[in-house]
Amino acid sequence: MKKVKIISLGVILIMFSLFGCSNPLGVKGSNGLGKRARPNESDLVGFYYSYDGTIGGNNYSYQIYKGVFTYEAMDNNYGELSTEIDDELLVQLKELYLKHKVYQWDGFSKYAEYVDDGDSFSLSFSFAEGESCSAHGSNVYPDGFRDFEGDMEALLGPVVSKLKDEAREKIIAQGLPGKVDSCMADFKQQGASGSDYYSLFVYKTDRADSNNFSIRIKSVSGEYYDPEEVYVYGHLDEEYIDPSWLDELLEKYDIITWYDYDEAAENYNDCEWFQMALGFESEENSRLDAMGTKHPENYDEFRDGFIKGMISFYEEVKDKVK
């Protein structure tokens, strides 16, 4: 009988409940050494862990090699980050290796044949005597993995946060990388904050078939616009795109300090949510991303200027959108 590959995990589980299949995900591979394994007694000298998220959206990796800790992430604005470490971090990782009996996972290699999305991991411990312990899986994890993962993130997360903070401060000190050439911004009220929603997406392009402009104005309060809802989507020729009004706002309110900002308020359901992604003509550090329901410094002033600016921009170009 021909084997059918099923993408939806939900469909697989429904089939399992209906037909009593003992392996609904099509799990294959090796469990590794298991209980016959014994822990390596020598010092830990190297470590590697990588995580691949759904459709690669949040991939990242940790590596310790020759006394250097390195962090890489697909969604990381800073590129590869690294720092020298002392032996204490390796000692603590060795303790996690023993605590969670990771040595029993050596050789673990499993995957779920019927799942095309999901996530995967790779893990490796290297020891002074030259041996190693490794495991990897795709949508399948060894027993106790989540507990190990939590402890590992608690240990290595602060190292990454410190590296990001240092890199962020350097970028902020350099100032804005140039003039804006693309903008995606949303200001969406929710709960007690109101019901207004302002959104702008625009970028410069010489391709006439590119839908490079959209704007949404949902004015309930009437604060900036007569109470109504406007949505426009299409192409805007480059000659009509002048983001100099936005350049002036970024300079005036020192918005470079918002670089990589992502904070949530305690009462986030009653706070306006904002998100902003700006592209610049410069190729180096050419994005500025910020989001959250906890608002950064100069937020109210910048928001006021931005919404007024986008409405003025819209009034100028609304008859030119194709």
C-alpha atoms as a PDB file:
ATOM      1  CA  MET A   1       0.000   0.000   0.000  1.00  0.00           C
ATOM      2  CA  LYS A   2       1.343   3.434  -0.951  1.00  0.00           C
ATOM      3  CA  LYS A   3       2.379   5.533   2.050  1.00  0.00           C
ATOM      4  CA  VAL A   4       0.697   8.948   2.202  1.00  0.00           C
ATOM      5  CA  LYS A   5       2.577  11.836   3.764  1.00  0.00           C
ATOM      6  CA  ILE A   6       0.320  13.906   6.021  1.00  0.00           C
ATOM      7  CA  ILE A   7       1.218  17.509   6.833  1.00  0.00           C
ATOM      8  CA  SER A   8      -1.364  18.377   9.458  1.00  0.00           C
ATOM      9  CA  LEU A   9      -0.568  17.140  12.958  1.00  0.00           C
ATOM     10  CA  GLY A  10      -4.235  17.589  13.863  1.00  0.00           C
ATOM     11  CA  VAL A  11      -5.310  15.226  11.087  1.00  0.00           C
ATOM     12  CA  ILE A  12      -2.800  12.649  12.275  1.00  0.00           C
ATOM     13  CA  LEU A  13      -4.115  12.740  15.837  1.00  0.00           C
ATOM     14  CA  ILE A  14      -7.718  12.432  14.618  1.00  0.00           C
ATOM     15  CA  MET A  15      -6.721   9.334  12.661  1.00  0.00           C
ATOM     16  CA  PHE A  16      -5.044   7.980  15.777  1.00  0.00           C
ATOM     17  CA  SER A  17      -8.237   8.398  17.818  1.00  0.00           C
ATOM     18  CA  LEU A  18     -10.396   6.810  15.111  1.00  0.00           C
ATOM     19  CA  PHE A  19      -8.230   3.893  14.138  1.00  0.00           C
ATOM     20  CA  GLY A  20      -6.090   3.308  17.220  1.00  0.00           C
ATOM     21  CA  CYS A  21      -2.779   3.662  15.376  1.00  0.00           C
ATOM     22  CA  SER A  22       0.122   3.027  17.767  1.00  0.00           C
ATOM     23  CA  ASN A  23       2.517   5.356  15.934  1.00  0.00           C
ATOM     24  CA  PRO A  24       0.391   8.203  14.482  1.00  0.00           C
ATOM     25  CA  LEU A  25       3.336  10.531  13.791  1.00  0.00           C
ATOM     26  CA  GLY A  26       5.418   7.892  12.048  1.00  0.00           C
ATOM     27  CA  VAL A  27       8.254   8.190  14.572  1.00  0.00           C
ATOM     28  CA  LYS A  28      11.463   6.503  13.430  1.00  0.00           C
ATOM     29  CA  GLY A  29      15.045   6.338  14.613  1.00  0.00           C
ATOM     30  CA  SER A  30      17.183   5.390  17.580  1.00  0.00           C
ATOM     31  CA  ASN A  31      16.570   5.965  21.301  1.00  0.00           C
ATOM     32  CA  GLY A  32      20.299   6.106  21.977  1.00  0.00           C
ATOM     33  CA  LEU A  33      22.176   4.242  24.699  1.00  0.00           C
ATOM     34  CA  GLY A  34      19.457   4.550  27.332  1.00  0.00           C
ATOM     35  CA  LYS A  35      19.937   3.093  30.818  1.00  0.00           C
ATOM     36  CA  ARG A  36      23.008   1.100  29.867  1.00  0.00           C
ATOM     37  CA  ALA A  37      24.938   4.357  29.407  1.00  0.00           C
ATOM     38  CA  ARG A  38      27.395   5.628  31.997  1.00  0.00           C
ATOM     39  CA  PRO A  39      28.373   9.285  32.512  1.00  0.00           C
ATOM     40  CA  ASN A  40      31.683  10.532  31.190  1.00  0.00           C
ATOM     41  CA  GLU A  41      33.925  11.293  34.162  1.00  0.00           C
ATOM     42  CA  SER A  42      36.300  13.726  32.421  1.00  0.00           C
ATOM     43  CA  ASP A  43      35.959  17.511  32.243  1.00  0.00           C
ATOM     44  CA  LEU A  44      33.593  19.100  29.764  1.00  0.00           C
ATOM     45  CA  VAL A  45      35.547  21.142  27.195  1.00  0.00           C
ATOM     46  CA  GLY A  46      32.940  21.916  24.515  1.00  0.00           C
ATOM     47  CA  PHE A  47      29.216  22.271  24.035  1.00  0.00           C
ATOM     48  CA  TYR A  48      26.797  22.798  21.164  1.00  0.00           C
ATOM     49  CA  TYR A  49      23.028  23.228  21.039  1.00  0.00           C
ATOM     50  CA  SER A  50      20.816  24.341  18.169  1.00  0.00           C
ATOM     51  CA  TYR A  51      17.081  24.775  17.824  1.00  0.00           C
ATOM     52  CA  ASP A  52      15.205  25.009  14.530  1.00  0.00           C
ATOM     53  CA  GLY A  53      11.721  26.436  14.909  1.00  0.00           C
ATOM     54  CA  THR A  54       8.652  26.124  12.739  1.00  0.00           C
ATOM     55  CA  ILE A  55       9.524  27.173   9.173  1.00  0.00           C
ATOM     56  CA  GLY A  56      12.878  28.382  10.476  1.00  0.00           C
ATOM     57  CA  GLY A  57      11.359  31.475  12.082  1.00  0.00           C
ATOM     58  CA  ASN A  58      13.250  31.340  15.381  1.00  0.00           C
ATOM     59  CA  ASN A  59      16.390  29.307  14.787  1.00  0.00           C
ATOM     60  CA  TYR A  60      19.285  29.814  17.175  1.00  0.00           C
ATOM     61  CA  SER A  61      22.395  28.066  18.445  1.00  0.00           C
ATOM     62  CA  TYR A  62      24.821  28.084  21.381  1.00  0.00           C
ATOM     63  CA  GLN A  63      28.408  26.929  21.053  1.00  0.00           C
ATOM     64  CA  ILE A  64      31.352  26.761  23.429  1.00  0.00           C
ATOM     65  CA  TYR A  65      34.652  26.009  21.748  1.00  0.00           C
ATOM     66  CA  LYS A  66      38.179  26.719  23.035  1.00  0.00           C
ATOM     67  CA  GLY A  67      36.900  28.969  25.796  1.00  0.00           C
ATOM     68  CA  VAL A  68      34.641  31.091  23.575  1.00  0.00           C
ATOM     69  CA  PHE A  69      30.845  31.184  23.835  1.00  0.00           C
ATOM     70  CA  THR A  70      29.049  31.998  20.558  1.00  0.00           C
ATOM     71  CA  TYR A  71      25.390  32.765  19.965  1.00  0.00           C
ATOM     72  CA  GLU A  72      23.720  32.916  16.562  1.00  0.00           C
ATOM     73  CA  ALA A  73      20.056  33.436  15.709  1.00  0.00           C
ATOM     74  CA  MET A  74      18.107  33.916  12.501  1.00  0.00           C
ATOM     75  CA  ASP A  75      16.060  36.770  13.990  1.00  0.00           C
ATOM     76  CA  ASN A  76      19.049  38.370  15.713  1.00  0.00           C
ATOM     77  CA  ASN A  77      19.685  41.988  14.661  1.00  0.00           C
ATOM     78  CA  TYR A  78      23.274  41.863  15.875  1.00  0.00           C
ATOM     79  CA  GLY A  79      24.753  39.039  13.853  1.00  0.00           C
ATOM     80  CA  GLU A  80      26.993  36.501  15.558  1.00  0.00           C
ATOM     81  CA  LEU A  81      27.726  37.341  19.194  1.00  0.00           C
ATOM     82  CA  SER A  82      30.620  35.867  21.148  1.00  0.00           C
ATOM     83  CA  THR A  83      32.574  36.270  24.374  1.00  0.00           C
ATOM     84  CA  GLU A  84      35.346  34.527  26.243  1.00  0.00           C
ATOM     85  CA  ILE A  85      34.191  32.468  29.221  1.00  0.00           C
ATOM     86  CA  ASP A  86      35.816  30.850  32.210  1.00  0.00           C
ATOM     87  CA  ASP A  87      35.616  27.168  33.087  1.00  0.00           C
ATOM     88  CA  GLU A  88      32.749  27.713  35.532  1.00  0.00           C
ATOM     89  CA  LEU A  89      30.149  27.777  32.753  1.00  0.00           C
ATOM     90  CA  LEU A  90      31.378  24.423  31.465  1.00  0.00           C
ATOM     91  CA  VAL A  91      31.324  23.055  35.020  1.00  0.00           C
ATOM     92  CA  GLN A  92      27.688  24.094  35.346  1.00  0.00           C
ATOM     93  CA  LEU A  93      26.799  22.533  32.004  1.00  0.00           C
ATOM     94  CA  LYS A  94      28.498  19.316  33.122  1.00  0.00           C
ATOM     95  CA  GLU A  95      26.283  19.403  36.217  1.00  0.00           C
ATOM     96  CA  LEU A  96      23.200  19.606  33.970  1.00  0.00           C
ATOM     97  CA  TYR A  97      24.558  16.704  31.925  1.00  0.00           C
ATOM     98  CA  LEU A  98      24.685  14.631  35.119  1.00  0.00           C
ATOM     99  CA  LYS A  99      21.488  15.942  36.714  1.00  0.00           C
ATOM    100  CA  HIS A 100      19.336  15.134  33.662  1.00  0.00           C
ATOM    101  CA  LYS A 101      21.245  11.971  32.730  1.00  0.00           C
ATOM    102  CA  VAL A 102      21.951  13.339  29.286  1.00  0.00           C
ATOM    103  CA  TYR A 103      24.491  10.564  28.769  1.00  0.00           C
ATOM    104  CA  GLN A 104      21.511   8.230  28.332  1.00  0.00           C
ATOM    105  CA  TRP A 105      20.535  10.242  25.229  1.00  0.00           C
ATOM    106  CA  ASP A 106      23.862   9.571  23.480  1.00  0.00           C
ATOM    107  CA  GLY A 107      22.985   8.387  19.987  1.00  0.00           C
ATOM    108  CA  PHE A 108      19.361   9.545  20.194  1.00  0.00           C
ATOM    109  CA  SER A 109      18.254  10.296  16.638  1.00  0.00           C
ATOM    110  CA  LYS A 110      14.532  10.348  15.961  1.00  0.00           C
ATOM    111  CA  TYR A 111      12.141  12.070  13.612  1.00  0.00           C
ATOM    112  CA  ALA A 112       8.389  12.122  12.945  1.00  0.00           C
ATOM    113  CA  GLU A 113       7.960  11.053   9.339  1.00  0.00           C
ATOM    114  CA  TYR A 114       4.417  12.379   8.955  1.00  0.00           C
ATOM    115  CA  VAL A 115       5.109  15.895  10.246  1.00  0.00           C
ATOM    116  CA  ASP A 116       6.456  18.414   7.744  1.00  0.00           C
ATOM    117  CA  ASP A 117       6.634  21.421  10.065  1.00  0.00           C
ATOM    118  CA  GLY A 118       7.314  21.582  13.804  1.00  0.00           C
ATOM    119  CA  ASP A 119      10.764  21.954  15.310  1.00  0.00           C
ATOM    120  CA  SER A 120      14.039  20.126  15.847  1.00  0.00           C
ATOM    121  CA  PHE A 121      17.163  20.201  18.005  1.00  0.00           C
ATOM    122  CA  SER A 122      20.795  19.129  17.992  1.00  0.00           C
ATOM    123  CA  LEU A 123      22.901  18.708  21.143  1.00  0.00           C
ATOM    124  CA  SER A 124      26.506  17.775  21.769  1.00  0.00           C
ATOM    125  CA  PHE A 125      28.828  17.600  24.802  1.00  0.00           C
ATOM    126  CA  SER A 126      32.593  17.252  24.205  1.00  0.00           C
ATOM    127  CA  PHE A 127      34.934  15.911  26.883  1.00  0.00           C
ATOM    128  CA  ALA A 128      38.619  16.295  27.681  1.00  0.00           C
ATOM    129  CA  GLU A 129      39.472  12.696  26.899  1.00  0.00           C
ATOM    130  CA  GLY A 130      38.166  13.129  23.348  1.00  0.00           C
ATOM    131  CA  GLU A 131      34.777  11.455  23.645  1.00  0.00           C
ATOM    132  CA  SER A 132      31.437  13.132  23.048  1.00  0.00           C
ATOM    133  CA  CYS A 133      27.742  12.697  23.767  1.00  0.00           C
ATOM    134  CA  SER A 134      25.298  13.815  21.096  1.00  0.00           C
ATOM    135  CA  ALA A 135      21.592  13.685  20.300  1.00  0.00           C
ATOM    136  CA  HIS A 136      19.232  15.188  17.779  1.00  0.00           C
ATOM    137  CA  GLY A 137      15.584  14.960  16.920  1.00  0.00           C
ATOM    138  CA  SER A 138      12.861  16.376  14.720  1.00  0.00           C
ATOM    139  CA  ASN A 139       9.491  16.705  16.482  1.00  0.00           C
ATOM    140  CA  VAL A 140      10.639  13.947  18.853  1.00  0.00           C
ATOM    141  CA  TYR A 141      12.588  14.450  22.093  1.00  0.00           C
ATOM    142  CA  PRO A 142      14.225  12.130  24.618  1.00  0.00           C
ATOM    143  CA  ASP A 143      12.650  11.639  28.033  1.00  0.00           C
ATOM    144  CA  GLY A 144      13.358  14.565  30.337  1.00  0.00           C
ATOM    145  CA  PHE A 145      14.443  16.875  27.528  1.00  0.00           C
ATOM    146  CA  ARG A 146      12.135  19.753  28.473  1.00  0.00           C
ATOM    147  CA  ASP A 147      13.480  19.853  32.027  1.00  0.00           C
ATOM    148  CA  PHE A 148      17.039  19.937  30.699  1.00  0.00           C
ATOM    149  CA  GLU A 149      16.108  22.621  28.180  1.00  0.00           C
ATOM    150  CA  GLY A 150      14.630  24.825  30.911  1.00  0.00           C
ATOM    151  CA  ASP A 151      17.761  24.571  33.058  1.00  0.00           C
ATOM    152  CA  MET A 152      20.018  25.159  30.053  1.00  0.00           C
ATOM    153  CA  GLU A 153      18.131  28.310  29.042  1.00  0.00           C
ATOM    154  CA  ALA A 154      18.226  29.581  32.643  1.00  0.00           C
ATOM    155  CA  LEU A 155      22.012  29.140  32.603  1.00  0.00           C
ATOM    156  CA  LEU A 156      22.845  30.458  29.117  1.00  0.00           C
ATOM    157  CA  GLY A 157      20.042  32.986  28.645  1.00  0.00           C
ATOM    158  CA  PRO A 158      21.672  35.633  30.875  1.00  0.00           C
ATOM    159  CA  VAL A 159      24.935  35.270  28.931  1.00  0.00           C
ATOM    160  CA  VAL A 160      23.052  35.969  25.690  1.00  0.00           C
ATOM    161  CA  SER A 161      21.130  38.875  27.242  1.00  0.00           C
ATOM    162  CA  LYS A 162      24.381  40.510  28.347  1.00  0.00           C
ATOM    163  CA  LEU A 163      25.869  40.104  24.863  1.00  0.00           C
ATOM    164  CA  LYS A 164      22.761  41.609  23.268  1.00  0.00           C
ATOM    165  CA  ASP A 165      22.729  44.539  25.694  1.00  0.00           C
ATOM    166  CA  GLU A 166      26.365  45.330  24.923  1.00  0.00           C
ATOM    167  CA  ALA A 167      25.802  45.081  21.167  1.00  0.00           C
ATOM    168  CA  ARG A 168      22.646  47.194  21.402  1.00  0.00           C
ATOM    169  CA  GLU A 169      24.439  49.969  23.277  1.00  0.00           C
ATOM    170  CA  LYS A 170      27.153  50.093  20.607  1.00  0.00           C
ATOM    171  CA  ILE A 171      24.558  50.393  17.831  1.00  0.00           C
ATOM    172  CA  ILE A 172      22.672  53.116  19.698  1.00  0.00           C
ATOM    173  CA  ALA A 173      25.918  55.043  20.237  1.00  0.00           C
ATOM    174  CA  GLN A 174      26.508  55.024  16.458  1.00  0.00           C
ATOM    175  CA  GLY A 175      23.192  56.779  15.849  1.00  0.00           C
ATOM    176  CA  LEU A 176      20.769  56.394  12.961  1.00  0.00           C
ATOM    177  CA  PRO A 177      22.367  54.621   9.993  1.00  0.00           C
ATOM    178  CA  GLY A 178      20.923  56.924   7.327  1.00  0.00           C
ATOM    179  CA  LYS A 179      17.683  58.029   5.749  1.00  0.00           C
ATOM    180  CA  VAL A 180      14.527  55.912   5.924  1.00  0.00           C
ATOM    181  CA  ASP A 181      13.596  54.029   2.754  1.00  0.00           C
ATOM    182  CA  SER A 182      10.996  51.604   4.147  1.00  0.00           C
ATOM    183  CA  CYS A 183       8.477  51.671   6.966  1.00  0.00           C
ATOM    184  CA  MET A 184       6.132  49.186   8.584  1.00  0.00           C
ATOM    185  CA  ALA A 185       4.345  50.572  11.631  1.00  0.00           C
ATOM    186  CA  ASP A 186       1.219  49.723  13.630  1.00  0.00           C
ATOM    187  CA  PHE A 187      -0.427  51.538  16.524  1.00  0.00           C
ATOM    188  CA  LYS A 188      -3.347  49.426  17.731  1.00  0.00           C
ATOM    189  CA  GLN A 189      -5.437  50.343  20.757  1.00  0.00           C
ATOM    190  CA  GLN A 190      -7.064  47.550  22.748  1.00  0.00           C
ATOM    191  CA  GLY A 191      -9.156  47.164  25.887  1.00  0.00           C
ATOM    192  CA  ALA A 192      -9.321  50.288  28.021  1.00  0.00           C
ATOM    193  CA  SER A 193      -6.877  52.131  25.730  1.00  0.00           C
ATOM    194  CA  GLY A 194      -9.508  52.482  22.985  1.00  0.00           C
ATOM    195  CA  SER A 195     -10.314  51.049  19.552  1.00  0.00           C
ATOM    196  CA  ASP A 196      -8.311  53.171  17.096  1.00  0.00           C
ATOM    197  CA  TYR A 197      -5.847  51.502  14.748  1.00  0.00           C
ATOM    198  CA  TYR A 198      -3.284  53.169  12.506  1.00  0.00           C
ATOM    199  CA  SER A 199      -1.046  51.182  10.188  1.00  0.00           C
ATOM    200  CA  LEU A 200       1.401  52.159   7.441  1.00  0.00           C
ATOM    201  CA  PHE A 201       3.518  50.023   5.130  1.00  0.00           C
ATOM    202  CA  VAL A 202       5.601  51.585   2.376  1.00  0.00           C
ATOM    203  CA  TYR A 203       8.945  51.080   0.691  1.00  0.00           C
ATOM    204  CA  LYS A 204      10.764  52.487  -2.294  1.00  0.00           C
ATOM    205  CA  THR A 205      10.985  50.343  -5.413  1.00  0.00           C
ATOM    206  CA  ASP A 206      11.328  50.841  -9.163  1.00  0.00           C
ATOM    207  CA  ARG A 207       9.216  47.752  -9.900  1.00  0.00           C
ATOM    208  CA  ALA A 208       5.846  48.847 -11.216  1.00  0.00           C
ATOM    209  CA  ASP A 209       4.262  45.474 -10.393  1.00  0.00           C
ATOM    210  CA  SER A 210       5.179  45.641  -6.686  1.00  0.00           C
ATOM    211  CA  ASN A 211       2.464  46.359  -4.124  1.00  0.00           C
ATOM    212  CA  ASN A 212       4.643  48.563  -1.975  1.00  0.00           C
ATOM    213  CA  PHE A 213       2.044  50.666  -0.193  1.00  0.00           C
ATOM    214  CA  SER A 214      -0.749  50.023   2.276  1.00  0.00           C
ATOM    215  CA  ILE A 215      -2.431  52.164   4.888  1.00  0.00           C
ATOM    216  CA  ARG A 216      -5.169  51.432   7.388  1.00  0.00           C
ATOM    217  CA  ILE A 217      -6.947  54.081   9.405  1.00  0.00           C
ATOM    218  CA  LYS A 218      -9.583  52.872  11.841  1.00  0.00           C
ATOM    219  CA  SER A 219     -10.734  55.997  13.622  1.00  0.00           C
ATOM    220  CA  VAL A 220     -13.302  55.385  16.342  1.00  0.00           C
ATOM    221  CA  SER A 221     -12.381  58.252  18.665  1.00  0.00           C
ATOM    222  CA  GLY A 222     -12.060  60.849  15.902  1.00  0.00           C
ATOM    223  CA  GLU A 223      -8.846  62.112  17.531  1.00  0.00           C
ATOM    224  CA  TYR A 224      -6.871  62.306  14.288  1.00  0.00           C
ATOM    225  CA  TYR A 225      -9.386  61.455  11.592  1.00  0.00           C
ATOM    226  CA  ASP A 226     -13.138  61.581  11.115  1.00  0.00           C
ATOM    227  CA  PRO A 227     -14.692  58.417  12.575  1.00  0.00           C
ATOM    228  CA  GLU A 228     -14.465  55.915   9.721  1.00  0.00           C
ATOM    229  CA  GLU A 229     -12.287  53.088   8.458  1.00  0.00           C
ATOM    230  CA  VAL A 230      -9.932  53.475   5.506  1.00  0.00           C
ATOM    231  CA  TYR A 231      -7.904  50.722   3.866  1.00  0.00           C
ATOM    232  CA  VAL A 232      -5.797  51.220   0.739  1.00  0.00           C
ATOM    233  CA  TYR A 233      -3.409  48.672  -0.777  1.00  0.00           C
ATOM    234  CA  GLY A 234      -1.475  48.851  -4.025  1.00  0.00           C
ATOM    235  CA  HIS A 235       1.516  50.332  -5.819  1.00  0.00           C
ATOM    236  CA  LEU A 236       2.943  53.788  -5.302  1.00  0.00           C
ATOM    237  CA  ASP A 237       5.603  55.080  -7.692  1.00  0.00           C
ATOM    238  CA  GLU A 238       8.886  55.961  -6.030  1.00  0.00           C
ATOM    239  CA  GLU A 239       8.648  59.618  -7.033  1.00  0.00           C
ATOM    240  CA  TYR A 240       5.724  60.035  -4.631  1.00  0.00           C
ATOM    241  CA  ILE A 241       7.467  58.483  -1.627  1.00  0.00           C
ATOM    242  CA  ASP A 242       9.165  61.077   0.550  1.00  0.00           C
ATOM    243  CA  PRO A 243       9.809  59.822   4.114  1.00  0.00           C
ATOM    244  CA  SER A 244      11.700  62.949   5.187  1.00  0.00           C
ATOM    245  CA  TRP A 245       8.907  63.715   7.690  1.00  0.00           C
ATOM    246  CA  LEU A 246       9.752  60.427   9.383  1.00  0.00           C
ATOM    247  CA  ASP A 247      13.502  61.142   9.351  1.00  0.00           C
ATOM    248  CA  GLU A 248      12.783  64.359  11.242  1.00  0.00           C
ATOM    249  CA  LEU A 249      10.706  62.545  13.876  1.00  0.00           C
ATOM    250  CA  LEU A 250      13.386  59.905  14.431  1.00  0.00           C
ATOM    251  CA  GLU A 251      15.997  62.582  15.038  1.00  0.00           C
ATOM    252  CA  LYS A 252      13.754  64.791  17.170  1.00  0.00           C
ATOM    253  CA  TYR A 253      12.733  62.043  19.603  1.00  0.00           C
ATOM    254  CA  ASP A 254      16.002  60.051  19.549  1.00  0.00           C
ATOM    255  CA  ILE A 255      14.246  56.905  18.330  1.00  0.00           C
ATOM    256  CA  ILE A 256      17.536  55.057  17.808  1.00  0.00           C
ATOM    257  CA  THR A 257      17.245  54.347  21.561  1.00  0.00           C
ATOM    258  CA  TRP A 258      14.262  52.130  20.701  1.00  0.00           C
ATOM    259  CA  TYR A 259      16.538  49.747  18.811  1.00  0.00           C
ATOM    260  CA  ASP A 260      15.379  46.147  19.387  1.00  0.00           C
ATOM    261  CA  TYR A 261      12.895  47.293  22.041  1.00  0.00           C
ATOM    262  CA  ASP A 262      10.386  44.612  23.072  1.00  0.00           C
ATOM    263  CA  GLU A 263       8.581  45.120  26.375  1.00  0.00           C
ATOM    264  CA  ALA A 264       5.131  44.143  27.639  1.00  0.00           C
ATOM    265  CA  ALA A 265       3.147  46.126  30.218  1.00  0.00           C
ATOM    266  CA  GLU A 266       1.631  44.295  33.181  1.00  0.00           C
ATOM    267  CA  ASN A 267      -1.849  45.298  32.002  1.00  0.00           C
ATOM    268  CA  TYR A 268      -0.994  44.642  28.356  1.00  0.00           C
ATOM    269  CA  ASN A 269      -4.594  43.853  27.367  1.00  0.00           C
ATOM    270  CA  ASP A 270      -5.564  47.445  28.173  1.00  0.00           C
ATOM    271  CA  CYS A 271      -2.552  49.116  26.548  1.00  0.00           C
ATOM    272  CA  GLU A 272      -1.965  50.218  22.993  1.00  0.00           C
ATOM    273  CA  TRP A 273       0.251  47.756  21.135  1.00  0.00           C
ATOM    274  CA  PHE A 274       2.792  49.148  18.719  1.00  0.00           C
ATOM    275  CA  GLN A 275       5.212  47.640  16.269  1.00  0.00           C
ATOM    276  CA  MET A 276       7.690  49.378  14.017  1.00  0.00           C
ATOM    277  CA  ALA A 277      10.235  48.112  11.513  1.00  0.00           C
ATOM    278  CA  LEU A 278      12.225  50.731   9.641  1.00  0.00           C
ATOM    279  CA  GLY A 279      14.708  50.168   6.837  1.00  0.00           C
ATOM    280  CA  PHE A 280      17.464  52.627   5.928  1.00  0.00           C
ATOM    281  CA  GLU A 281      19.490  53.449   2.858  1.00  0.00           C
ATOM    282  CA  SER A 282      22.663  52.376   4.660  1.00  0.00           C
ATOM    283  CA  GLU A 283      23.489  48.660   4.406  1.00  0.00           C
ATOM    284  CA  GLU A 284      25.108  48.464   7.860  1.00  0.00           C
ATOM    285  CA  ASN A 285      22.731  48.188  10.840  1.00  0.00           C
ATOM    286  CA  SER A 286      20.032  49.073   8.332  1.00  0.00           C
ATOM    287  CA  ARG A 287      16.979  48.074  10.385  1.00  0.00           C
ATOM    288  CA  LEU A 288      15.356  49.471  13.466  1.00  0.00           C
ATOM    289  CA  ASP A 289      12.765  47.235  15.125  1.00  0.00           C
ATOM    290  CA  ALA A 290      10.677  47.995  18.191  1.00  0.00           C
ATOM    291  CA  MET A 291       7.444  46.662  19.643  1.00  0.00           C
ATOM    292  CA  GLY A 292       5.442  46.214  22.812  1.00  0.00           C
ATOM    293  CA  THR A 293       2.628  47.375  25.046  1.00  0.00           C
ATOM    294  CA  LYS A 294       4.986  49.008  27.537  1.00  0.00           C
ATOM    295  CA  HIS A 295       5.878  52.249  25.812  1.00  0.00           C
ATOM    296  CA  PRO A 296       9.457  53.541  25.529  1.00  0.00           C
ATOM    297  CA  GLU A 297      10.652  57.071  26.207  1.00  0.00           C
ATOM    298  CA  ASN A 298       9.110  59.796  24.010  1.00  0.00           C
ATOM    299  CA  TYR A 299       6.420  57.357  22.832  1.00  0.00           C
ATOM    300  CA  ASP A 300       3.422  59.696  23.081  1.00  0.00           C
ATOM    301  CA  GLU A 301       5.205  62.538  21.295  1.00  0.00           C
ATOM    302  CA  PHE A 302       6.509  60.299  18.519  1.00  0.00           C
ATOM    303  CA  ARG A 303       3.143  58.557  18.096  1.00  0.00           C
ATOM    304  CA  ASP A 304       1.362  61.879  17.743  1.00  0.00           C
ATOM    305  CA  GLY A 305       3.840  63.066  15.112  1.00  0.00           C
ATOM    306  CA  PHE A 306       3.801  59.754  13.274  1.00  0.00           C
ATOM    307  CA  ILE A 307       0.015  59.477  12.984  1.00  0.00           C
ATOM    308  CA  LYS A 308      -0.295  63.087  11.837  1.00  0.00           C
ATOM    309  CA  GLY A 309       2.539  62.524   9.362  1.00  0.00           C
ATOM    310  CA  MET A 310       1.085  59.326   7.896  1.00  0.00           C
ATOM    311  CA  ILE A 311      -2.344  60.939   7.451  1.00  0.00           C
ATOM    312  CA  SER A 312      -0.784  63.932   5.708  1.00  0.00           C
ATOM    313  CA  PHE A 313       1.248  61.557   3.500  1.00  0.00           C
ATOM    314  CA  TYR A 314      -1.884  59.594   2.667  1.00  0.00           C
ATOM    315  CA  GLU A 315      -3.834  62.710   1.692  1.00  0.00           C
ATOM    316  CA  GLU A 316      -1.029  63.670  -0.686  1.00  0.00           C
ATOM    317  CA  VAL A 317      -0.743  60.288  -2.441  1.00  0.00           C
ATOM    318  CA  LYS A 318      -4.178  58.616  -2.166  1.00  0.00           C
ATOM    319  CA  ASP A 319      -5.074  59.485  -5.757  1.00  0.00           C
ATOM    320  CA  LYS A 320      -1.766  58.120  -7.022  1.00  0.00           C
ATOM    321  CA  VAL A 321      -2.009  54.583  -5.639  1.00  0.00           C
ATOM    322  CA  LYS A 322      -2.458  52.050  -8.438  1.00  0.00           C
END
